[in-house]
Amino acid sequence: MCHIPVFCWITATVLEHVLKTSERGELPKTLTEMYIHFLVVQSKLGNVKYHGRAETDPLWNKKSRKMILSLGKLAFEQLEKGNLIFYEADLTECGIDIRAASVYSGVLTQIFKEEGGLGQDKVFCFVHLSIQEFLAAVYVIVINSGVNLLSKQQSTSWQSTSLKDKSKLKHLYQSAVDKALQSPNGHLDLFLRFLLGLSLQANQILLRGLLKQTRSSSQTNQETVQYIKKRIRENPSPERNINLFHCLNELNDHSLVEEIQQYLSSGSLSTDELSPAQWSALVFILLSSEVIRAGRV
């Protein structure tokens, strides 16, 4: 599915849900918050339509939580392999029953049957790569206290180290930043944005019940912000830095963008004096302005 129709569908679904259920009518302010609301909506629809439960019933029970984490495991493992489509055996390996997964048809879908050997293999995919990346990030956030999934030595348990939880999370987020920058085709960009967005306590509260406890620290988030700014300064390519500015936005840090905006407002901006980080901020502002302008046409 094309990115724009999928995002419009997700936005419309979330907008309808928020306007119906929120007394204040507050809309999601970041991409991560948007996708959290979408996951909540899809889970509620599944509970009501397939399990005969009321909308006022608790959203997450043991069965639904297990399914979301199984889908997240599938999403993460296939994302690491660079796979957009996968087979029934891949679902089974992650503990996913196809009939049970049909409840989440707004997330996962069967696309065709592939002839091979003596029979047909069912081929599946997430309805869009962004949903796969979001569920992969949810999975990593939920189980990150056990194994460093972003390390090449995945058999090394974090539980066996003397690092405190804050240090584990700091290493997780910084490793994710590095791996996304190393990706030649940018296939981990959205995953990184979602992972960092899910680090905020406000977003973890939205997933209460799915996340057994919030794992958030303003100090850890600030250290992640500083690390991202450091990588922006080190990376001379504005194109590669654009996603890092999106990541800062997910972490509610707008300092670099505001710095350039002040220069623009004062009329004292000189392109000859801009650092690579400031150039990236300027490009990010211009691209964001183009998106806003296109949306108003």
C-alpha atoms as a PDB file:
ATOM      1  CA  MET A   1       0.000   0.000   0.000  1.00  0.00           C
ATOM      2  CA  CYS A   2       1.219   3.507  -0.791  1.00  0.00           C
ATOM      3  CA  HIS A   3       2.423   5.485   2.206  1.00  0.00           C
ATOM      4  CA  ILE A   4       0.076   8.484   1.772  1.00  0.00           C
ATOM      5  CA  PRO A   5      -3.245   6.545   1.608  1.00  0.00           C
ATOM      6  CA  VAL A   6      -2.187   4.402   4.582  1.00  0.00           C
ATOM      7  CA  PHE A   7      -1.239   7.425   6.652  1.00  0.00           C
ATOM      8  CA  CYS A   8      -4.499   9.176   5.715  1.00  0.00           C
ATOM      9  CA  TRP A   9      -6.435   6.066   6.768  1.00  0.00           C
ATOM     10  CA  ILE A  10      -4.565   5.864  10.077  1.00  0.00           C
ATOM     11  CA  THR A  11      -5.059   9.591  10.689  1.00  0.00           C
ATOM     12  CA  ALA A  12      -8.786   9.411   9.924  1.00  0.00           C
ATOM     13  CA  THR A  13      -9.193   6.363  12.176  1.00  0.00           C
ATOM     14  CA  VAL A  14      -7.399   8.031  15.072  1.00  0.00           C
ATOM     15  CA  LEU A  15      -9.163  11.357  14.566  1.00  0.00           C
ATOM     16  CA  GLU A  16     -12.579   9.706  14.712  1.00  0.00           C
ATOM     17  CA  HIS A  17     -11.593   7.775  17.840  1.00  0.00           C
ATOM     18  CA  VAL A  18     -10.142  10.810  19.647  1.00  0.00           C
ATOM     19  CA  LEU A  19     -13.145  13.008  18.888  1.00  0.00           C
ATOM     20  CA  LYS A  20     -15.501  10.291  20.145  1.00  0.00           C
ATOM     21  CA  THR A  21     -13.662   9.367  23.327  1.00  0.00           C
ATOM     22  CA  SER A  22     -11.653  12.377  24.506  1.00  0.00           C
ATOM     23  CA  GLU A  23     -13.543  15.115  26.330  1.00  0.00           C
ATOM     24  CA  ARG A  24     -10.843  17.639  25.514  1.00  0.00           C
ATOM     25  CA  GLY A  25     -10.487  16.441  21.938  1.00  0.00           C
ATOM     26  CA  GLU A  26      -6.688  16.501  22.098  1.00  0.00           C
ATOM     27  CA  LEU A  27      -5.074  15.250  18.930  1.00  0.00           C
ATOM     28  CA  PRO A  28      -1.768  13.352  18.677  1.00  0.00           C
ATOM     29  CA  LYS A  29       1.178  15.727  18.373  1.00  0.00           C
ATOM     30  CA  THR A  30       3.814  13.256  17.148  1.00  0.00           C
ATOM     31  CA  LEU A  31       3.984  10.272  14.839  1.00  0.00           C
ATOM     32  CA  THR A  32       4.523   7.891  17.764  1.00  0.00           C
ATOM     33  CA  GLU A  33       1.467   9.160  19.598  1.00  0.00           C
ATOM     34  CA  MET A  34      -0.576   8.767  16.402  1.00  0.00           C
ATOM     35  CA  TYR A  35       0.408   5.130  16.002  1.00  0.00           C
ATOM     36  CA  ILE A  36      -0.200   4.368  19.683  1.00  0.00           C
ATOM     37  CA  HIS A  37      -3.762   5.604  19.299  1.00  0.00           C
ATOM     38  CA  PHE A  38      -4.107   3.527  16.131  1.00  0.00           C
ATOM     39  CA  LEU A  39      -2.978   0.371  17.933  1.00  0.00           C
ATOM     40  CA  VAL A  40      -5.458   1.074  20.737  1.00  0.00           C
ATOM     41  CA  VAL A  41      -8.285   1.528  18.218  1.00  0.00           C
ATOM     42  CA  GLN A  42      -7.453  -1.696  16.373  1.00  0.00           C
ATOM     43  CA  SER A  43      -7.258  -3.630  19.636  1.00  0.00           C
ATOM     44  CA  LYS A  44     -10.601  -2.257  20.828  1.00  0.00           C
ATOM     45  CA  LEU A  45     -12.231  -3.169  17.511  1.00  0.00           C
ATOM     46  CA  GLY A  46     -10.868  -6.691  17.786  1.00  0.00           C
ATOM     47  CA  ASN A  47     -12.091  -7.103  21.353  1.00  0.00           C
ATOM     48  CA  VAL A  48     -15.601  -5.920  20.521  1.00  0.00           C
ATOM     49  CA  LYS A  49     -15.997  -7.585  17.126  1.00  0.00           C
ATOM     50  CA  TYR A  50     -14.358 -10.949  17.752  1.00  0.00           C
ATOM     51  CA  HIS A  51     -14.417 -11.463  21.511  1.00  0.00           C
ATOM     52  CA  GLY A  52     -17.774  -9.976  22.435  1.00  0.00           C
ATOM     53  CA  ARG A  53     -16.258  -7.570  24.920  1.00  0.00           C
ATOM     54  CA  ALA A  54     -17.488  -4.062  25.684  1.00  0.00           C
ATOM     55  CA  GLU A  55     -15.480  -0.947  24.810  1.00  0.00           C
ATOM     56  CA  THR A  56     -15.338  -0.140  28.535  1.00  0.00           C
ATOM     57  CA  ASP A  57     -13.636  -3.455  29.366  1.00  0.00           C
ATOM     58  CA  PRO A  58      -9.874  -3.421  30.066  1.00  0.00           C
ATOM     59  CA  LEU A  59      -8.078  -3.158  26.741  1.00  0.00           C
ATOM     60  CA  TRP A  60      -5.198  -5.525  27.382  1.00  0.00           C
ATOM     61  CA  ASN A  61      -5.549  -8.975  28.848  1.00  0.00           C
ATOM     62  CA  LYS A  62      -3.019 -11.784  28.925  1.00  0.00           C
ATOM     63  CA  LYS A  63      -4.112 -13.116  25.536  1.00  0.00           C
ATOM     64  CA  SER A  64      -4.187  -9.802  23.679  1.00  0.00           C
ATOM     65  CA  ARG A  65      -0.885  -8.695  25.223  1.00  0.00           C
ATOM     66  CA  LYS A  66       0.745 -11.931  24.092  1.00  0.00           C
ATOM     67  CA  MET A  67      -0.560 -11.441  20.553  1.00  0.00           C
ATOM     68  CA  ILE A  68       0.742  -7.868  20.291  1.00  0.00           C
ATOM     69  CA  LEU A  69       4.166  -8.910  21.553  1.00  0.00           C
ATOM     70  CA  SER A  70       4.206 -11.867  19.136  1.00  0.00           C
ATOM     71  CA  LEU A  71       3.373  -9.517  16.262  1.00  0.00           C
ATOM     72  CA  GLY A  72       6.093  -7.192  17.543  1.00  0.00           C
ATOM     73  CA  LYS A  73       8.611 -10.023  17.608  1.00  0.00           C
ATOM     74  CA  LEU A  74       7.693 -10.940  14.032  1.00  0.00           C
ATOM     75  CA  ALA A  75       7.964  -7.283  13.003  1.00  0.00           C
ATOM     76  CA  PHE A  76      11.371  -6.843  14.627  1.00  0.00           C
ATOM     77  CA  GLU A  77      12.937 -10.066  13.350  1.00  0.00           C
ATOM     78  CA  GLN A  78      11.731  -9.485   9.791  1.00  0.00           C
ATOM     79  CA  LEU A  79      12.804  -5.828   9.916  1.00  0.00           C
ATOM     80  CA  GLU A  80      16.324  -6.865  10.901  1.00  0.00           C
ATOM     81  CA  LYS A  81      16.367  -9.255   7.948  1.00  0.00           C
ATOM     82  CA  GLY A  82      15.028  -6.545   5.648  1.00  0.00           C
ATOM     83  CA  ASN A  83      11.890  -8.571   4.863  1.00  0.00           C
ATOM     84  CA  LEU A  84       8.591  -6.931   3.991  1.00  0.00           C
ATOM     85  CA  ILE A  85       6.785 -10.211   3.311  1.00  0.00           C
ATOM     86  CA  PHE A  86       6.965 -13.491   5.194  1.00  0.00           C
ATOM     87  CA  TYR A  87       5.420 -16.936   5.401  1.00  0.00           C
ATOM     88  CA  GLU A  88       3.163 -18.872   7.705  1.00  0.00           C
ATOM     89  CA  ALA A  89       6.226 -20.617   9.145  1.00  0.00           C
ATOM     90  CA  ASP A  90       7.577 -17.220  10.234  1.00  0.00           C
ATOM     91  CA  LEU A  91       4.320 -16.510  12.078  1.00  0.00           C
ATOM     92  CA  THR A  92       4.383 -19.930  13.732  1.00  0.00           C
ATOM     93  CA  GLU A  93       7.972 -19.418  14.828  1.00  0.00           C
ATOM     94  CA  CYS A  94       6.858 -16.277  16.679  1.00  0.00           C
ATOM     95  CA  GLY A  95       3.952 -18.100  18.297  1.00  0.00           C
ATOM     96  CA  ILE A  96       1.271 -16.521  16.101  1.00  0.00           C
ATOM     97  CA  ASP A  97      -1.843 -18.460  15.178  1.00  0.00           C
ATOM     98  CA  ILE A  98      -3.229 -17.250  11.840  1.00  0.00           C
ATOM     99  CA  ARG A  99      -6.843 -17.407  12.974  1.00  0.00           C
ATOM    100  CA  ALA A 100      -6.068 -15.426  16.113  1.00  0.00           C
ATOM    101  CA  ALA A 101      -4.031 -12.932  14.102  1.00  0.00           C
ATOM    102  CA  SER A 102      -7.027 -12.280  11.822  1.00  0.00           C
ATOM    103  CA  VAL A 103      -8.416 -10.132  14.652  1.00  0.00           C
ATOM    104  CA  TYR A 104      -5.664  -7.656  13.782  1.00  0.00           C
ATOM    105  CA  SER A 105      -6.500  -7.436  10.077  1.00  0.00           C
ATOM    106  CA  GLY A 106      -5.872  -3.682  10.261  1.00  0.00           C
ATOM    107  CA  VAL A 107      -2.269  -4.499  11.153  1.00  0.00           C
ATOM    108  CA  LEU A 108      -1.354  -7.797   9.476  1.00  0.00           C
ATOM    109  CA  THR A 109      -2.799  -9.232   6.279  1.00  0.00           C
ATOM    110  CA  GLN A 110      -2.406 -12.193   3.931  1.00  0.00           C
ATOM    111  CA  ILE A 111      -1.553 -10.944   0.467  1.00  0.00           C
ATOM    112  CA  PHE A 112      -1.483 -14.109  -1.694  1.00  0.00           C
ATOM    113  CA  LYS A 113      -0.676 -17.795  -1.871  1.00  0.00           C
ATOM    114  CA  GLU A 114       2.583 -18.830  -3.462  1.00  0.00           C
ATOM    115  CA  GLU A 115       2.789 -22.047  -5.464  1.00  0.00           C
ATOM    116  CA  GLY A 116       5.716 -24.183  -4.407  1.00  0.00           C
ATOM    117  CA  GLY A 117       6.518 -27.871  -4.002  1.00  0.00           C
ATOM    118  CA  LEU A 118       3.468 -29.961  -3.224  1.00  0.00           C
ATOM    119  CA  GLY A 119       1.264 -27.152  -1.983  1.00  0.00           C
ATOM    120  CA  GLN A 120       0.740 -23.461  -1.496  1.00  0.00           C
ATOM    121  CA  ASP A 121       2.502 -21.211   0.991  1.00  0.00           C
ATOM    122  CA  LYS A 122       0.512 -18.341   2.465  1.00  0.00           C
ATOM    123  CA  VAL A 123       2.349 -15.042   2.197  1.00  0.00           C
ATOM    124  CA  PHE A 124       1.773 -12.239   4.700  1.00  0.00           C
ATOM    125  CA  CYS A 125       2.828  -8.668   5.330  1.00  0.00           C
ATOM    126  CA  PHE A 126       1.997  -5.809   7.630  1.00  0.00           C
ATOM    127  CA  VAL A 127      -0.409  -3.388   5.981  1.00  0.00           C
ATOM    128  CA  HIS A 128       2.453  -0.904   5.774  1.00  0.00           C
ATOM    129  CA  LEU A 129       6.152  -0.798   6.640  1.00  0.00           C
ATOM    130  CA  SER A 130       5.495   1.982   9.158  1.00  0.00           C
ATOM    131  CA  ILE A 131       3.212  -0.316  11.157  1.00  0.00           C
ATOM    132  CA  GLN A 132       5.864  -3.038  11.086  1.00  0.00           C
ATOM    133  CA  GLU A 133       8.445  -0.560  12.380  1.00  0.00           C
ATOM    134  CA  PHE A 134       6.091   0.680  15.099  1.00  0.00           C
ATOM    135  CA  LEU A 135       5.301  -2.815  16.395  1.00  0.00           C
ATOM    136  CA  ALA A 136       9.014  -3.676  16.281  1.00  0.00           C
ATOM    137  CA  ALA A 137       9.731  -0.643  18.474  1.00  0.00           C
ATOM    138  CA  VAL A 138       6.949  -1.611  20.905  1.00  0.00           C
ATOM    139  CA  TYR A 139       8.456  -5.087  21.170  1.00  0.00           C
ATOM    140  CA  VAL A 140      11.945  -3.741  21.893  1.00  0.00           C
ATOM    141  CA  ILE A 141      10.632  -1.326  24.537  1.00  0.00           C
ATOM    142  CA  VAL A 142       8.661  -4.053  26.313  1.00  0.00           C
ATOM    143  CA  ILE A 143      11.445  -6.632  26.522  1.00  0.00           C
ATOM    144  CA  ASN A 144      14.546  -4.422  26.434  1.00  0.00           C
ATOM    145  CA  SER A 145      15.481  -5.242  30.039  1.00  0.00           C
ATOM    146  CA  GLY A 146      16.346  -8.798  29.035  1.00  0.00           C
ATOM    147  CA  VAL A 147      18.534  -8.806  25.928  1.00  0.00           C
ATOM    148  CA  ASN A 148      20.227  -6.110  23.893  1.00  0.00           C
ATOM    149  CA  LEU A 149      18.413  -6.793  20.636  1.00  0.00           C
ATOM    150  CA  LEU A 150      20.418  -4.183  18.798  1.00  0.00           C
ATOM    151  CA  SER A 151      23.749  -5.791  19.586  1.00  0.00           C
ATOM    152  CA  LYS A 152      25.466  -8.196  17.200  1.00  0.00           C
ATOM    153  CA  GLN A 153      26.092 -10.478  20.172  1.00  0.00           C
ATOM    154  CA  GLN A 154      22.429 -11.065  20.887  1.00  0.00           C
ATOM    155  CA  SER A 155      23.114 -13.949  23.251  1.00  0.00           C
ATOM    156  CA  THR A 156      24.600 -11.554  25.804  1.00  0.00           C
ATOM    157  CA  SER A 157      21.986 -10.848  28.470  1.00  0.00           C
ATOM    158  CA  TRP A 158      21.848  -7.404  29.978  1.00  0.00           C
ATOM    159  CA  GLN A 159      20.692  -9.017  33.204  1.00  0.00           C
ATOM    160  CA  SER A 160      24.171 -10.492  33.613  1.00  0.00           C
ATOM    161  CA  THR A 161      25.844  -7.091  33.653  1.00  0.00           C
ATOM    162  CA  SER A 162      26.197  -4.626  36.502  1.00  0.00           C
ATOM    163  CA  LEU A 163      24.642  -1.783  34.506  1.00  0.00           C
ATOM    164  CA  LYS A 164      21.663  -0.048  36.038  1.00  0.00           C
ATOM    165  CA  ASP A 165      18.378   0.222  34.147  1.00  0.00           C
ATOM    166  CA  LYS A 166      19.069   3.825  33.103  1.00  0.00           C
ATOM    167  CA  SER A 167      22.403   2.816  31.621  1.00  0.00           C
ATOM    168  CA  LYS A 168      20.750  -0.047  29.737  1.00  0.00           C
ATOM    169  CA  LEU A 169      18.206   2.288  28.201  1.00  0.00           C
ATOM    170  CA  LYS A 170      20.849   4.872  27.377  1.00  0.00           C
ATOM    171  CA  HIS A 171      22.885   2.221  25.561  1.00  0.00           C
ATOM    172  CA  LEU A 172      19.770   0.921  23.788  1.00  0.00           C
ATOM    173  CA  TYR A 173      18.775   4.323  22.399  1.00  0.00           C
ATOM    174  CA  GLN A 174      22.289   5.319  21.378  1.00  0.00           C
ATOM    175  CA  SER A 175      22.832   1.947  19.694  1.00  0.00           C
ATOM    176  CA  ALA A 176      19.579   2.424  17.789  1.00  0.00           C
ATOM    177  CA  VAL A 177      20.727   5.870  16.596  1.00  0.00           C
ATOM    178  CA  ASP A 178      24.011   4.427  15.356  1.00  0.00           C
ATOM    179  CA  LYS A 179      22.400   1.480  13.573  1.00  0.00           C
ATOM    180  CA  ALA A 180      19.870   3.736  11.841  1.00  0.00           C
ATOM    181  CA  LEU A 181      22.674   6.000  10.588  1.00  0.00           C
ATOM    182  CA  GLN A 182      24.600   2.957   9.346  1.00  0.00           C
ATOM    183  CA  SER A 183      21.614   1.657   7.375  1.00  0.00           C
ATOM    184  CA  PRO A 184      22.378   2.222   3.672  1.00  0.00           C
ATOM    185  CA  ASN A 185      18.713   2.504   2.667  1.00  0.00           C
ATOM    186  CA  GLY A 186      17.245   4.147   5.763  1.00  0.00           C
ATOM    187  CA  HIS A 187      15.017   1.161   6.584  1.00  0.00           C
ATOM    188  CA  LEU A 188      15.470   1.746  10.333  1.00  0.00           C
ATOM    189  CA  ASP A 189      14.608   5.465  10.288  1.00  0.00           C
ATOM    190  CA  LEU A 190      10.975   5.144  11.323  1.00  0.00           C
ATOM    191  CA  PHE A 191      11.823   2.370  13.763  1.00  0.00           C
ATOM    192  CA  LEU A 192      14.230   4.764  15.493  1.00  0.00           C
ATOM    193  CA  ARG A 193      11.622   7.538  15.632  1.00  0.00           C
ATOM    194  CA  PHE A 194       9.077   5.193  17.185  1.00  0.00           C
ATOM    195  CA  LEU A 195      11.601   3.722  19.631  1.00  0.00           C
ATOM    196  CA  LEU A 196      12.595   7.149  20.918  1.00  0.00           C
ATOM    197  CA  GLY A 197       9.008   8.352  20.969  1.00  0.00           C
ATOM    198  CA  LEU A 198       8.046   5.346  23.082  1.00  0.00           C
ATOM    199  CA  SER A 199      10.763   6.276  25.580  1.00  0.00           C
ATOM    200  CA  LEU A 200       8.633   9.197  26.791  1.00  0.00           C
ATOM    201  CA  GLN A 201       6.615   8.463  29.909  1.00  0.00           C
ATOM    202  CA  ALA A 202       3.522  10.159  28.448  1.00  0.00           C
ATOM    203  CA  ASN A 203       3.486   7.711  25.532  1.00  0.00           C
ATOM    204  CA  GLN A 204       4.189   4.732  27.786  1.00  0.00           C
ATOM    205  CA  ILE A 205       1.192   5.717  29.912  1.00  0.00           C
ATOM    206  CA  LEU A 206      -0.986   5.524  26.785  1.00  0.00           C
ATOM    207  CA  LEU A 207       0.100   1.880  26.504  1.00  0.00           C
ATOM    208  CA  ARG A 208      -0.437   1.063  30.175  1.00  0.00           C
ATOM    209  CA  GLY A 209      -1.522  -2.525  30.496  1.00  0.00           C
ATOM    210  CA  LEU A 210       0.565  -3.523  27.493  1.00  0.00           C
ATOM    211  CA  LEU A 211       3.658  -2.142  29.189  1.00  0.00           C
ATOM    212  CA  LYS A 212       3.604  -3.613  32.687  1.00  0.00           C
ATOM    213  CA  GLN A 213       5.564  -0.656  34.006  1.00  0.00           C
ATOM    214  CA  THR A 214       6.842   2.606  32.614  1.00  0.00           C
ATOM    215  CA  ARG A 215      10.564   2.744  31.986  1.00  0.00           C
ATOM    216  CA  SER A 216      11.297   6.397  31.582  1.00  0.00           C
ATOM    217  CA  SER A 217      13.819   8.892  32.867  1.00  0.00           C
ATOM    218  CA  SER A 218      14.061  12.542  31.950  1.00  0.00           C
ATOM    219  CA  GLN A 219      17.821  12.273  32.472  1.00  0.00           C
ATOM    220  CA  THR A 220      18.077   9.351  30.027  1.00  0.00           C
ATOM    221  CA  ASN A 221      15.943  11.197  27.472  1.00  0.00           C
ATOM    222  CA  GLN A 222      18.091  14.310  27.804  1.00  0.00           C
ATOM    223  CA  GLU A 223      21.258  12.253  27.363  1.00  0.00           C
ATOM    224  CA  THR A 224      19.711  10.748  24.223  1.00  0.00           C
ATOM    225  CA  VAL A 225      18.914  14.242  22.939  1.00  0.00           C
ATOM    226  CA  GLN A 226      22.517  15.333  23.500  1.00  0.00           C
ATOM    227  CA  TYR A 227      23.814  12.205  21.754  1.00  0.00           C
ATOM    228  CA  ILE A 228      21.591  12.860  18.725  1.00  0.00           C
ATOM    229  CA  LYS A 229      22.832  16.460  18.553  1.00  0.00           C
ATOM    230  CA  LYS A 230      26.389  15.155  18.729  1.00  0.00           C
ATOM    231  CA  ARG A 231      25.747  12.809  15.797  1.00  0.00           C
ATOM    232  CA  ILE A 232      24.139  15.650  13.836  1.00  0.00           C
ATOM    233  CA  ARG A 233      27.265  17.763  14.340  1.00  0.00           C
ATOM    234  CA  GLU A 234      29.499  14.859  13.297  1.00  0.00           C
ATOM    235  CA  ASN A 235      27.472  13.973  10.207  1.00  0.00           C
ATOM    236  CA  PRO A 236      28.007  16.469   7.341  1.00  0.00           C
ATOM    237  CA  SER A 237      25.073  15.136   5.291  1.00  0.00           C
ATOM    238  CA  PRO A 238      21.825  17.111   5.779  1.00  0.00           C
ATOM    239  CA  GLU A 239      19.916  14.290   4.081  1.00  0.00           C
ATOM    240  CA  ARG A 240      20.969  11.728   6.703  1.00  0.00           C
ATOM    241  CA  ASN A 241      20.332  14.187   9.512  1.00  0.00           C
ATOM    242  CA  ILE A 242      16.707  14.916   8.601  1.00  0.00           C
ATOM    243  CA  ASN A 243      15.488  11.814  10.399  1.00  0.00           C
ATOM    244  CA  LEU A 244      17.510  12.779  13.470  1.00  0.00           C
ATOM    245  CA  PHE A 245      15.594  16.054  13.597  1.00  0.00           C
ATOM    246  CA  HIS A 246      12.373  14.068  13.427  1.00  0.00           C
ATOM    247  CA  CYS A 247      13.732  12.036  16.354  1.00  0.00           C
ATOM    248  CA  LEU A 248      14.396  15.207  18.346  1.00  0.00           C
ATOM    249  CA  ASN A 249      10.815  16.223  17.617  1.00  0.00           C
ATOM    250  CA  GLU A 250       9.582  12.891  19.023  1.00  0.00           C
ATOM    251  CA  LEU A 251      11.614  13.644  22.168  1.00  0.00           C
ATOM    252  CA  ASN A 252      10.065  17.137  22.390  1.00  0.00           C
ATOM    253  CA  ASP A 253      13.364  18.906  21.765  1.00  0.00           C
ATOM    254  CA  HIS A 254      13.237  21.747  19.237  1.00  0.00           C
ATOM    255  CA  SER A 255      16.296  23.753  20.288  1.00  0.00           C
ATOM    256  CA  LEU A 256      18.318  23.439  17.056  1.00  0.00           C
ATOM    257  CA  VAL A 257      15.307  24.309  14.906  1.00  0.00           C
ATOM    258  CA  GLU A 258      14.380  27.246  17.152  1.00  0.00           C
ATOM    259  CA  GLU A 259      17.950  28.538  16.865  1.00  0.00           C
ATOM    260  CA  ILE A 260      17.670  28.728  13.067  1.00  0.00           C
ATOM    261  CA  GLN A 261      14.160  30.166  13.282  1.00  0.00           C
ATOM    262  CA  GLN A 262      15.518  32.994  15.425  1.00  0.00           C
ATOM    263  CA  TYR A 263      18.158  33.721  12.784  1.00  0.00           C
ATOM    264  CA  LEU A 264      15.467  33.730  10.100  1.00  0.00           C
ATOM    265  CA  SER A 265      13.259  36.071  12.112  1.00  0.00           C
ATOM    266  CA  SER A 266      16.096  38.484  12.805  1.00  0.00           C
ATOM    267  CA  GLY A 267      17.193  38.548   9.182  1.00  0.00           C
ATOM    268  CA  SER A 268      20.795  37.947  10.244  1.00  0.00           C
ATOM    269  CA  LEU A 269      21.107  34.456   8.780  1.00  0.00           C
ATOM    270  CA  SER A 270      24.275  34.069   6.726  1.00  0.00           C
ATOM    271  CA  THR A 271      24.601  30.782   4.847  1.00  0.00           C
ATOM    272  CA  ASP A 272      28.381  31.233   4.720  1.00  0.00           C
ATOM    273  CA  GLU A 273      28.552  30.892   8.509  1.00  0.00           C
ATOM    274  CA  LEU A 274      26.221  27.914   8.957  1.00  0.00           C
ATOM    275  CA  SER A 275      27.620  24.762  10.496  1.00  0.00           C
ATOM    276  CA  PRO A 276      26.583  21.352   9.054  1.00  0.00           C
ATOM    277  CA  ALA A 277      24.156  20.953  11.971  1.00  0.00           C
ATOM    278  CA  GLN A 278      22.599  24.365  11.248  1.00  0.00           C
ATOM    279  CA  TRP A 279      22.350  23.533   7.545  1.00  0.00           C
ATOM    280  CA  SER A 280      20.487  20.363   8.471  1.00  0.00           C
ATOM    281  CA  ALA A 281      18.146  22.337  10.718  1.00  0.00           C
ATOM    282  CA  LEU A 282      17.460  24.800   7.900  1.00  0.00           C
ATOM    283  CA  VAL A 283      16.714  21.990   5.444  1.00  0.00           C
ATOM    284  CA  PHE A 284      14.408  20.382   8.013  1.00  0.00           C
ATOM    285  CA  ILE A 285      12.511  23.664   8.467  1.00  0.00           C
ATOM    286  CA  LEU A 286      12.147  24.157   4.712  1.00  0.00           C
ATOM    287  CA  LEU A 287      10.933  20.594   4.173  1.00  0.00           C
ATOM    288  CA  SER A 288       8.479  20.903   7.057  1.00  0.00           C
ATOM    289  CA  SER A 289       7.185  24.171   5.598  1.00  0.00           C
ATOM    290  CA  GLU A 290       6.663  22.496   2.231  1.00  0.00           C
ATOM    291  CA  VAL A 291       4.646  19.715   3.872  1.00  0.00           C
ATOM    292  CA  ILE A 292       2.494  22.209   5.755  1.00  0.00           C
ATOM    293  CA  ARG A 293       2.000  24.324   2.618  1.00  0.00           C
ATOM    294  CA  ALA A 294       1.071  21.274   0.531  1.00  0.00           C
ATOM    295  CA  GLY A 295      -1.433  20.205   3.149  1.00  0.00           C
ATOM    296  CA  ARG A 296      -3.212  23.532   2.917  1.00  0.00           C
ATOM    297  CA  VAL A 297      -3.611  23.472  -0.854  1.00  0.00           C
END
